[in-house]
Amino acid sequence: DLRTGTITTVDDHPNADKLIVIGIDDGSPDGRTVCAGLKEYYSKEELTGMSVVFVANLQPRELRGVMSNGMLLAADDGEGAVRLITVDGSISNGSTVR
């Protein structure tokens, strides 16, 4: 279940050097939290406000003490470049990606 959302918060993970804790407005009243290994690829400022695509129907998983409720989609060229899959233009958070 791929959905759209806007990154609202980005914090360092308290127990992992390469992970960040991302708050996403997914169109629900409470939003969701996702842990992602993107710290070396994006700054907090670059991520905040970004409209992204995420997997919404994964089982919540605890990653070093923080519950992660989804996974962001990204491309990796195998040579050190990692880029998030983003949304072009404006669309409601929580929209289905087909």
PDB file of N, CA and C in Angstrom:
ATOM      1  N   ASP A   1       0.850  -1.162   0.000  1.00  0.00           N
ATOM      2  CA  ASP A   1       0.000   0.000   0.000  1.00  0.00           C
ATOM      3  C   ASP A   1       0.908   1.240   0.000  1.00  0.00           C
ATOM      4  N   LEU A   2       1.129   1.825  -1.147  1.00  0.00           N
ATOM      5  CA  LEU A   2       1.978   3.009  -1.276  1.00  0.00           C
ATOM      6  C   LEU A   2       1.123   4.260  -1.140  1.00  0.00           C
ATOM      7  N   ARG A   3       1.583   5.185  -0.309  1.00  0.00           N
ATOM      8  CA  ARG A   3       0.847   6.419  -0.033  1.00  0.00           C
ATOM      9  C   ARG A   3       1.776   7.620  -0.104  1.00  0.00           C
ATOM     10  N   THR A   4       1.171   8.805  -0.155  1.00  0.00           N
ATOM     11  CA  THR A   4       1.943  10.042  -0.136  1.00  0.00           C
ATOM     12  C   THR A   4       1.851  10.679   1.250  1.00  0.00           C
ATOM     13  N   GLY A   5       2.876  11.439   1.591  1.00  0.00           N
ATOM     14  CA  GLY A   5       2.884  12.148   2.865  1.00  0.00           C
ATOM     15  C   GLY A   5       3.920  13.255   2.846  1.00  0.00           C
ATOM     16  N   THR A   6       3.794  14.158   3.786  1.00  0.00           N
ATOM     17  CA  THR A   6       4.738  15.268   3.920  1.00  0.00           C
ATOM     18  C   THR A   6       5.550  15.086   5.197  1.00  0.00           C
ATOM     19  N   ILE A   7       6.861  15.203   5.074  1.00  0.00           N
ATOM     20  CA  ILE A   7       7.737  15.089   6.236  1.00  0.00           C
ATOM     21  C   ILE A   7       7.583  16.354   7.077  1.00  0.00           C
ATOM     22  N   THR A   8       7.206  16.155   8.338  1.00  0.00           N
ATOM     23  CA  THR A   8       6.966  17.290   9.237  1.00  0.00           C
ATOM     24  C   THR A   8       8.078  17.481  10.261  1.00  0.00           C
ATOM     25  N   THR A   9       8.704  16.382  10.681  1.00  0.00           N
ATOM     26  CA  THR A   9       9.782  16.470  11.664  1.00  0.00           C
ATOM     27  C   THR A   9      10.901  15.509  11.300  1.00  0.00           C
ATOM     28  N   VAL A  10      12.116  15.886  11.653  1.00  0.00           N
ATOM     29  CA  VAL A  10      13.289  15.029  11.454  1.00  0.00           C
ATOM     30  C   VAL A  10      14.170  15.169  12.690  1.00  0.00           C
ATOM     31  N   ASP A  11      14.434  14.039  13.350  1.00  0.00           N
ATOM     32  CA  ASP A  11      15.253  14.045  14.558  1.00  0.00           C
ATOM     33  C   ASP A  11      16.300  12.944  14.471  1.00  0.00           C
ATOM     34  N   ASP A  12      17.418  13.163  15.143  1.00  0.00           N
ATOM     35  CA  ASP A  12      18.421  12.111  15.249  1.00  0.00           C
ATOM     36  C   ASP A  12      17.839  10.957  16.049  1.00  0.00           C
ATOM     37  N   HIS A  13      18.157   9.743  15.650  1.00  0.00           N
ATOM     38  CA  HIS A  13      17.744   8.567  16.414  1.00  0.00           C
ATOM     39  C   HIS A  13      18.595   8.517  17.679  1.00  0.00           C
ATOM     40  N   PRO A  14      17.984   8.307  18.842  1.00  0.00           N
ATOM     41  CA  PRO A  14      18.758   8.352  20.084  1.00  0.00           C
ATOM     42  C   PRO A  14      19.744   7.189  20.258  1.00  0.00           C
ATOM     43  N   ASN A  15      19.556   6.090  19.517  1.00  0.00           N
ATOM     44  CA  ASN A  15      20.386   4.903  19.720  1.00  0.00           C
ATOM     45  C   ASN A  15      21.046   4.382  18.452  1.00  0.00           C
ATOM     46  N   ALA A  16      21.119   5.191  17.402  1.00  0.00           N
ATOM     47  CA  ALA A  16      21.716   4.725  16.150  1.00  0.00           C
ATOM     48  C   ALA A  16      22.333   5.898  15.404  1.00  0.00           C
ATOM     49  N   ASP A  17      23.579   5.761  15.018  1.00  0.00           N
ATOM     50  CA  ASP A  17      24.300   6.847  14.355  1.00  0.00           C
ATOM     51  C   ASP A  17      23.803   7.156  12.943  1.00  0.00           C
ATOM     52  N   LYS A  18      23.344   6.140  12.201  1.00  0.00           N
ATOM     53  CA  LYS A  18      22.968   6.352  10.803  1.00  0.00           C
ATOM     54  C   LYS A  18      21.469   6.526  10.580  1.00  0.00           C
ATOM     55  N   LEU A  19      20.678   6.319  11.628  1.00  0.00           N
ATOM     56  CA  LEU A  19      19.226   6.425  11.490  1.00  0.00           C
ATOM     57  C   LEU A  19      18.722   7.800  11.908  1.00  0.00           C
ATOM     58  N   ILE A  20      17.628   8.205  11.274  1.00  0.00           N
ATOM     59  CA  ILE A  20      16.903   9.388  11.709  1.00  0.00           C
ATOM     60  C   ILE A  20      15.449   8.995  11.941  1.00  0.00           C
ATOM     61  N   VAL A  21      14.786   9.752  12.779  1.00  0.00           N
ATOM     62  CA  VAL A  21      13.376   9.516  13.093  1.00  0.00           C
ATOM     63  C   VAL A  21      12.575  10.601  12.389  1.00  0.00           C
ATOM     64  N   ILE A  22      11.692  10.172  11.507  1.00  0.00           N
ATOM     65  CA  ILE A  22      10.953  11.084  10.637  1.00  0.00           C
ATOM     66  C   ILE A  22       9.470  11.045  10.982  1.00  0.00           C
ATOM     67  N   GLY A  23       8.888  12.219  11.213  1.00  0.00           N
ATOM     68  CA  GLY A  23       7.451  12.342  11.397  1.00  0.00           C
ATOM     69  C   GLY A  23       6.813  12.674  10.061  1.00  0.00           C
ATOM     70  N   ILE A  24       5.752  11.952   9.709  1.00  0.00           N
ATOM     71  CA  ILE A  24       5.092  12.139   8.420  1.00  0.00           C
ATOM     72  C   ILE A  24       3.624  12.476   8.628  1.00  0.00           C
ATOM     73  N   ASP A  25       3.169  13.538   7.968  1.00  0.00           N
ATOM     74  CA  ASP A  25       1.734  13.816   7.880  1.00  0.00           C
ATOM     75  C   ASP A  25       1.214  12.920   6.772  1.00  0.00           C
ATOM     76  N   ASP A  26       0.515  11.857   7.176  1.00  0.00           N
ATOM     77  CA  ASP A  26       0.009  10.877   6.214  1.00  0.00           C
ATOM     78  C   ASP A  26      -1.489  11.032   5.962  1.00  0.00           C
ATOM     79  N   GLY A  27      -2.048  12.154   6.386  1.00  0.00           N
ATOM     80  CA  GLY A  27      -3.472  12.398   6.201  1.00  0.00           C
ATOM     81  C   GLY A  27      -4.324  11.887   7.344  1.00  0.00           C
ATOM     82  N   SER A  28      -3.734  11.165   8.285  1.00  0.00           N
ATOM     83  CA  SER A  28      -4.473  10.662   9.446  1.00  0.00           C
ATOM     84  C   SER A  28      -4.358  11.679  10.590  1.00  0.00           C
ATOM     85  N   PRO A  29      -5.218  11.578  11.592  1.00  0.00           N
ATOM     86  CA  PRO A  29      -5.157  12.545  12.687  1.00  0.00           C
ATOM     87  C   PRO A  29      -3.819  12.553  13.444  1.00  0.00           C
ATOM     88  N   ASP A  30      -3.170  11.399  13.573  1.00  0.00           N
ATOM     89  CA  ASP A  30      -1.954  11.302  14.372  1.00  0.00           C
ATOM     90  C   ASP A  30      -0.672  11.254  13.550  1.00  0.00           C
ATOM     91  N   GLY A  31      -0.767  11.070  12.251  1.00  0.00           N
ATOM     92  CA  GLY A  31       0.430  10.932  11.432  1.00  0.00           C
ATOM     93  C   GLY A  31       1.134   9.623  11.740  1.00  0.00           C
ATOM     94  N   ARG A  32       2.394   9.518  11.328  1.00  0.00           N
ATOM     95  CA  ARG A  32       3.155   8.297  11.586  1.00  0.00           C
ATOM     96  C   ARG A  32       4.623   8.628  11.745  1.00  0.00           C
ATOM     97  N   THR A  33       5.323   7.711  12.369  1.00  0.00           N
ATOM     98  CA  THR A  33       6.765   7.842  12.575  1.00  0.00           C
ATOM     99  C   THR A  33       7.464   6.744  11.788  1.00  0.00           C
ATOM    100  N   VAL A  34       8.525   7.127  11.082  1.00  0.00           N
ATOM    101  CA  VAL A  34       9.315   6.178  10.306  1.00  0.00           C
ATOM    102  C   VAL A  34      10.784   6.402  10.636  1.00  0.00           C
ATOM    103  N   CYS A  35      11.496   5.316  10.885  1.00  0.00           N
ATOM    104  CA  CYS A  35      12.951   5.383  11.051  1.00  0.00           C
ATOM    105  C   CYS A  35      13.587   5.061   9.707  1.00  0.00           C
ATOM    106  N   ALA A  36      14.586   5.845   9.328  1.00  0.00           N
ATOM    107  CA  ALA A  36      15.209   5.651   8.018  1.00  0.00           C
ATOM    108  C   ALA A  36      16.715   5.887   8.100  1.00  0.00           C
ATOM    109  N   GLY A  37      17.458   5.136   7.327  1.00  0.00           N
ATOM    110  CA  GLY A  37      18.909   5.274   7.270  1.00  0.00           C
ATOM    111  C   GLY A  37      19.338   6.293   6.240  1.00  0.00           C
ATOM    112  N   LEU A  38      18.881   7.512   6.390  1.00  0.00           N
ATOM    113  CA  LEU A  38      19.136   8.567   5.403  1.00  0.00           C
ATOM    114  C   LEU A  38      20.043   9.677   5.909  1.00  0.00           C
ATOM    115  N   LYS A  39      20.572   9.523   7.105  1.00  0.00           N
ATOM    116  CA  LYS A  39      21.323  10.598   7.736  1.00  0.00           C
ATOM    117  C   LYS A  39      22.510  11.085   6.906  1.00  0.00           C
ATOM    118  N   GLU A  40      23.190  10.175   6.222  1.00  0.00           N
ATOM    119  CA  GLU A  40      24.357  10.580   5.441  1.00  0.00           C
ATOM    120  C   GLU A  40      24.001  11.130   4.061  1.00  0.00           C
ATOM    121  N   TYR A  41      22.728  11.089   3.686  1.00  0.00           N
ATOM    122  CA  TYR A  41      22.312  11.519   2.351  1.00  0.00           C
ATOM    123  C   TYR A  41      21.532  12.825   2.327  1.00  0.00           C
ATOM    124  N   TYR A  42      20.868  13.147   3.437  1.00  0.00           N
ATOM    125  CA  TYR A  42      20.023  14.343   3.496  1.00  0.00           C
ATOM    126  C   TYR A  42      20.230  15.063   4.823  1.00  0.00           C
ATOM    127  N   SER A  43      20.122  16.381   4.788  1.00  0.00           N
ATOM    128  CA  SER A  43      20.112  17.151   6.032  1.00  0.00           C
ATOM    129  C   SER A  43      18.667  17.220   6.540  1.00  0.00           C
ATOM    130  N   LYS A  44      18.516  17.578   7.793  1.00  0.00           N
ATOM    131  CA  LYS A  44      17.176  17.748   8.363  1.00  0.00           C
ATOM    132  C   LYS A  44      16.393  18.802   7.592  1.00  0.00           C
ATOM    133  N   GLU A  45      17.083  19.867   7.194  1.00  0.00           N
ATOM    134  CA  GLU A  45      16.429  20.959   6.469  1.00  0.00           C
ATOM    135  C   GLU A  45      15.954  20.511   5.082  1.00  0.00           C
ATOM    136  N   GLU A  46      16.737  19.687   4.417  1.00  0.00           N
ATOM    137  CA  GLU A  46      16.335  19.187   3.098  1.00  0.00           C
ATOM    138  C   GLU A  46      15.094  18.309   3.191  1.00  0.00           C
ATOM    139  N   LEU A  47      15.010  17.502   4.232  1.00  0.00           N
ATOM    140  CA  LEU A  47      13.897  16.568   4.376  1.00  0.00           C
ATOM    141  C   LEU A  47      12.607  17.230   4.823  1.00  0.00           C
ATOM    142  N   THR A  48      12.700  18.194   5.714  1.00  0.00           N
ATOM    143  CA  THR A  48      11.508  18.819   6.275  1.00  0.00           C
ATOM    144  C   THR A  48      10.695  19.503   5.177  1.00  0.00           C
ATOM    145  N   GLY A  49       9.421  19.120   5.085  1.00  0.00           N
ATOM    146  CA  GLY A  49       8.524  19.679   4.085  1.00  0.00           C
ATOM    147  C   GLY A  49       8.478  18.900   2.788  1.00  0.00           C
ATOM    148  N   MET A  50       9.339  17.905   2.636  1.00  0.00           N
ATOM    149  CA  MET A  50       9.390  17.117   1.406  1.00  0.00           C
ATOM    150  C   MET A  50       8.155  16.221   1.309  1.00  0.00           C
ATOM    151  N   SER A  51       7.571  16.151   0.124  1.00  0.00           N
ATOM    152  CA  SER A  51       6.442  15.267  -0.145  1.00  0.00           C
ATOM    153  C   SER A  51       6.997  13.951  -0.687  1.00  0.00           C
ATOM    154  N   VAL A  52       6.758  12.856   0.043  1.00  0.00           N
ATOM    155  CA  VAL A  52       7.400  11.578  -0.244  1.00  0.00           C
ATOM    156  C   VAL A  52       6.379  10.464  -0.464  1.00  0.00           C
ATOM    157  N   VAL A  53       6.893   9.332  -0.940  1.00  0.00           N
ATOM    158  CA  VAL A  53       6.101   8.111  -1.094  1.00  0.00           C
ATOM    159  C   VAL A  53       6.587   7.123  -0.034  1.00  0.00           C
ATOM    160  N   PHE A  54       5.636   6.487   0.659  1.00  0.00           N
ATOM    161  CA  PHE A  54       6.008   5.521   1.696  1.00  0.00           C
ATOM    162  C   PHE A  54       5.108   4.296   1.621  1.00  0.00           C
ATOM    163  N   VAL A  55       5.600   3.201   2.214  1.00  0.00           N
ATOM    164  CA  VAL A  55       4.823   1.969   2.310  1.00  0.00           C
ATOM    165  C   VAL A  55       4.032   2.051   3.610  1.00  0.00           C
ATOM    166  N   ALA A  56       2.707   2.027   3.492  1.00  0.00           N
ATOM    167  CA  ALA A  56       1.844   2.267   4.652  1.00  0.00           C
ATOM    168  C   ALA A  56       1.406   1.000   5.368  1.00  0.00           C
ATOM    169  N   ASN A  57       1.460  -0.145   4.727  1.00  0.00           N
ATOM    170  CA  ASN A  57       0.866  -1.340   5.323  1.00  0.00           C
ATOM    171  C   ASN A  57       1.890  -2.345   5.853  1.00  0.00           C
ATOM    172  N   LEU A  58       3.071  -1.875   6.242  1.00  0.00           N
ATOM    173  CA  LEU A  58       4.033  -2.758   6.894  1.00  0.00           C
ATOM    174  C   LEU A  58       3.687  -2.892   8.370  1.00  0.00           C
ATOM    175  N   GLN A  59       4.015  -4.026   8.948  1.00  0.00           N
ATOM    176  CA  GLN A  59       3.841  -4.191  10.385  1.00  0.00           C
ATOM    177  C   GLN A  59       4.775  -3.216  11.094  1.00  0.00           C
ATOM    178  N   PRO A  60       4.314  -2.529  12.132  1.00  0.00           N
ATOM    179  CA  PRO A  60       5.210  -1.665  12.898  1.00  0.00           C
ATOM    180  C   PRO A  60       6.388  -2.489  13.420  1.00  0.00           C
ATOM    181  N   ARG A  61       7.559  -1.860  13.422  1.00  0.00           N
ATOM    182  CA  ARG A  61       8.771  -2.561  13.836  1.00  0.00           C
ATOM    183  C   ARG A  61       9.606  -1.643  14.717  1.00  0.00           C
ATOM    184  N   GLU A  62      10.110  -2.201  15.784  1.00  0.00           N
ATOM    185  CA  GLU A  62      10.960  -1.426  16.672  1.00  0.00           C
ATOM    186  C   GLU A  62      12.391  -1.456  16.136  1.00  0.00           C
ATOM    187  N   LEU A  63      12.953  -0.277  15.904  1.00  0.00           N
ATOM    188  CA  LEU A  63      14.325  -0.155  15.440  1.00  0.00           C
ATOM    189  C   LEU A  63      15.145   0.546  16.512  1.00  0.00           C
ATOM    190  N   ARG A  64      15.898  -0.239  17.251  1.00  0.00           N
ATOM    191  CA  ARG A  64      16.741   0.268  18.335  1.00  0.00           C
ATOM    192  C   ARG A  64      15.980   1.149  19.314  1.00  0.00           C
ATOM    193  N   GLY A  65      14.788   0.698  19.681  1.00  0.00           N
ATOM    194  CA  GLY A  65      14.024   1.388  20.709  1.00  0.00           C
ATOM    195  C   GLY A  65      12.987   2.371  20.219  1.00  0.00           C
ATOM    196  N   VAL A  66      12.901   2.609  18.915  1.00  0.00           N
ATOM    197  CA  VAL A  66      11.903   3.526  18.359  1.00  0.00           C
ATOM    198  C   VAL A  66      11.013   2.742  17.392  1.00  0.00           C
ATOM    199  N   MET A  67       9.689   2.872  17.564  1.00  0.00           N
ATOM    200  CA  MET A  67       8.759   2.182  16.668  1.00  0.00           C
ATOM    201  C   MET A  67       8.711   2.896  15.322  1.00  0.00           C
ATOM    202  N   SER A  68       8.867   2.115  14.257  1.00  0.00           N
ATOM    203  CA  SER A  68       8.795   2.625  12.894  1.00  0.00           C
ATOM    204  C   SER A  68       7.532   2.061  12.252  1.00  0.00           C
ATOM    205  N   ASN A  69       6.706   2.943  11.698  1.00  0.00           N
ATOM    206  CA  ASN A  69       5.407   2.565  11.134  1.00  0.00           C
ATOM    207  C   ASN A  69       5.357   2.802   9.636  1.00  0.00           C
ATOM    208  N   GLY A  70       6.281   2.205   8.918  1.00  0.00           N
ATOM    209  CA  GLY A  70       6.309   2.342   7.469  1.00  0.00           C
ATOM    210  C   GLY A  70       7.729   2.384   6.966  1.00  0.00           C
ATOM    211  N   MET A  71       7.864   2.610   5.671  1.00  0.00           N
ATOM    212  CA  MET A  71       9.178   2.700   5.053  1.00  0.00           C
ATOM    213  C   MET A  71       9.103   3.683   3.893  1.00  0.00           C
ATOM    214  N   LEU A  72      10.061   4.607   3.850  1.00  0.00           N
ATOM    215  CA  LEU A  72      10.145   5.540   2.732  1.00  0.00           C
ATOM    216  C   LEU A  72      10.735   4.826   1.527  1.00  0.00           C
ATOM    217  N   LEU A  73      10.282   5.177   0.339  1.00  0.00           N
ATOM    218  CA  LEU A  73      10.842   4.599  -0.881  1.00  0.00           C
ATOM    219  C   LEU A  73      11.974   5.482  -1.383  1.00  0.00           C
ATOM    220  N   ALA A  74      13.063   4.842  -1.773  1.00  0.00           N
ATOM    221  CA  ALA A  74      14.230   5.565  -2.267  1.00  0.00           C
ATOM    222  C   ALA A  74      14.903   4.748  -3.359  1.00  0.00           C
ATOM    223  N   ALA A  75      15.657   5.440  -4.193  1.00  0.00           N
ATOM    224  CA  ALA A  75      16.464   4.796  -5.223  1.00  0.00           C
ATOM    225  C   ALA A  75      17.924   4.860  -4.803  1.00  0.00           C
ATOM    226  N   ASP A  76      18.680   3.798  -5.098  1.00  0.00           N
ATOM    227  CA  ASP A  76      20.097   3.698  -4.760  1.00  0.00           C
ATOM    228  C   ASP A  76      20.830   3.257  -6.019  1.00  0.00           C
ATOM    229  N   ASP A  77      21.778   4.073  -6.484  1.00  0.00           N
ATOM    230  CA  ASP A  77      22.479   3.734  -7.728  1.00  0.00           C
ATOM    231  C   ASP A  77      23.638   2.770  -7.533  1.00  0.00           C
ATOM    232  N   GLY A  78      23.877   2.339  -6.296  1.00  0.00           N
ATOM    233  CA  GLY A  78      24.955   1.404  -6.033  1.00  0.00           C
ATOM    234  C   GLY A  78      26.332   2.048  -5.998  1.00  0.00           C
ATOM    235  N   GLU A  79      26.386   3.351  -6.225  1.00  0.00           N
ATOM    236  CA  GLU A  79      27.660   4.066  -6.235  1.00  0.00           C
ATOM    237  C   GLU A  79      27.677   5.208  -5.215  1.00  0.00           C
ATOM    238  N   GLY A  80      26.784   5.129  -4.242  1.00  0.00           N
ATOM    239  CA  GLY A  80      26.791   6.120  -3.173  1.00  0.00           C
ATOM    240  C   GLY A  80      25.704   7.170  -3.235  1.00  0.00           C
ATOM    241  N   ALA A  81      24.918   7.189  -4.294  1.00  0.00           N
ATOM    242  CA  ALA A  81      23.827   8.161  -4.380  1.00  0.00           C
ATOM    243  C   ALA A  81      22.517   7.493  -3.974  1.00  0.00           C
ATOM    244  N   VAL A  82      21.811   8.125  -3.045  1.00  0.00           N
ATOM    245  CA  VAL A  82      20.502   7.652  -2.604  1.00  0.00           C
ATOM    246  C   VAL A  82      19.552   8.837  -2.680  1.00  0.00           C
ATOM    247  N   ARG A  83      18.404   8.641  -3.318  1.00  0.00           N
ATOM    248  CA  ARG A  83      17.418   9.708  -3.471  1.00  0.00           C
ATOM    249  C   ARG A  83      16.031   9.173  -3.165  1.00  0.00           C
ATOM    250  N   LEU A  84      15.295   9.933  -2.353  1.00  0.00           N
ATOM    251  CA  LEU A  84      13.920   9.569  -2.029  1.00  0.00           C
ATOM    252  C   LEU A  84      13.024   9.704  -3.249  1.00  0.00           C
ATOM    253  N   ILE A  85      12.005   8.863  -3.285  1.00  0.00           N
ATOM    254  CA  ILE A  85      10.962   8.978  -4.309  1.00  0.00           C
ATOM    255  C   ILE A  85      10.008  10.056  -3.807  1.00  0.00           C
ATOM    256  N   THR A  86       9.884  11.132  -4.565  1.00  0.00           N
ATOM    257  CA  THR A  86       9.077  12.273  -4.141  1.00  0.00           C
ATOM    258  C   THR A  86       7.887  12.467  -5.070  1.00  0.00           C
ATOM    259  N   VAL A  87       7.008  13.363  -4.659  1.00  0.00           N
ATOM    260  CA  VAL A  87       5.791  13.660  -5.411  1.00  0.00           C
ATOM    261  C   VAL A  87       5.976  14.991  -6.134  1.00  0.00           C
ATOM    262  N   ASP A  88       5.657  15.002  -7.405  1.00  0.00           N
ATOM    263  CA  ASP A  88       5.734  16.211  -8.211  1.00  0.00           C
ATOM    264  C   ASP A  88       4.417  16.970  -8.093  1.00  0.00           C
ATOM    265  N   GLY A  89       4.470  18.179  -7.601  1.00  0.00           N
ATOM    266  CA  GLY A  89       3.255  18.971  -7.459  1.00  0.00           C
ATOM    267  C   GLY A  89       2.567  18.718  -6.137  1.00  0.00           C
ATOM    268  N   SER A  90       1.336  19.186  -6.046  1.00  0.00           N
ATOM    269  CA  SER A  90       0.589  19.125  -4.796  1.00  0.00           C
ATOM    270  C   SER A  90      -0.491  18.051  -4.875  1.00  0.00           C
ATOM    271  N   ILE A  91      -0.583  17.241  -3.816  1.00  0.00           N
ATOM    272  CA  ILE A  91      -1.623  16.223  -3.703  1.00  0.00           C
ATOM    273  C   ILE A  91      -1.881  15.993  -2.215  1.00  0.00           C
ATOM    274  N   SER A  92      -3.067  15.574  -1.876  1.00  0.00           N
ATOM    275  CA  SER A  92      -3.424  15.346  -0.467  1.00  0.00           C
ATOM    276  C   SER A  92      -2.556  14.273   0.159  1.00  0.00           C
ATOM    277  N   ASN A  93      -2.129  14.518   1.396  1.00  0.00           N
ATOM    278  CA  ASN A  93      -1.394  13.496   2.139  1.00  0.00           C
ATOM    279  C   ASN A  93      -2.285  12.281   2.338  1.00  0.00           C
ATOM    280  N   GLY A  94      -1.700  11.097   2.200  1.00  0.00           N
ATOM    281  CA  GLY A  94      -2.460   9.858   2.312  1.00  0.00           C
ATOM    282  C   GLY A  94      -2.991   9.359   0.991  1.00  0.00           C
ATOM    283  N   SER A  95      -2.726  10.094  -0.104  1.00  0.00           N
ATOM    284  CA  SER A  95      -3.214   9.655  -1.420  1.00  0.00           C
ATOM    285  C   SER A  95      -2.544   8.345  -1.811  1.00  0.00           C
ATOM    286  N   THR A  96      -3.292   7.483  -2.508  1.00  0.00           N
ATOM    287  CA  THR A  96      -2.790   6.200  -2.974  1.00  0.00           C
ATOM    288  C   THR A  96      -1.896   6.385  -4.183  1.00  0.00           C
ATOM    289  N   VAL A  97      -0.766   5.697  -4.186  1.00  0.00           N
ATOM    290  CA  VAL A  97       0.146   5.695  -5.326  1.00  0.00           C
ATOM    291  C   VAL A  97      -0.166   4.444  -6.139  1.00  0.00           C
ATOM    292  N   ARG A  98      -0.402   4.645  -7.443  1.00  0.00           N
ATOM    293  CA  ARG A  98      -0.742   3.502  -8.308  1.00  0.00           C
ATOM    294  C   ARG A  98       0.286   3.319  -9.379  1.00  0.00           C
TER     295      ARG A  98
END
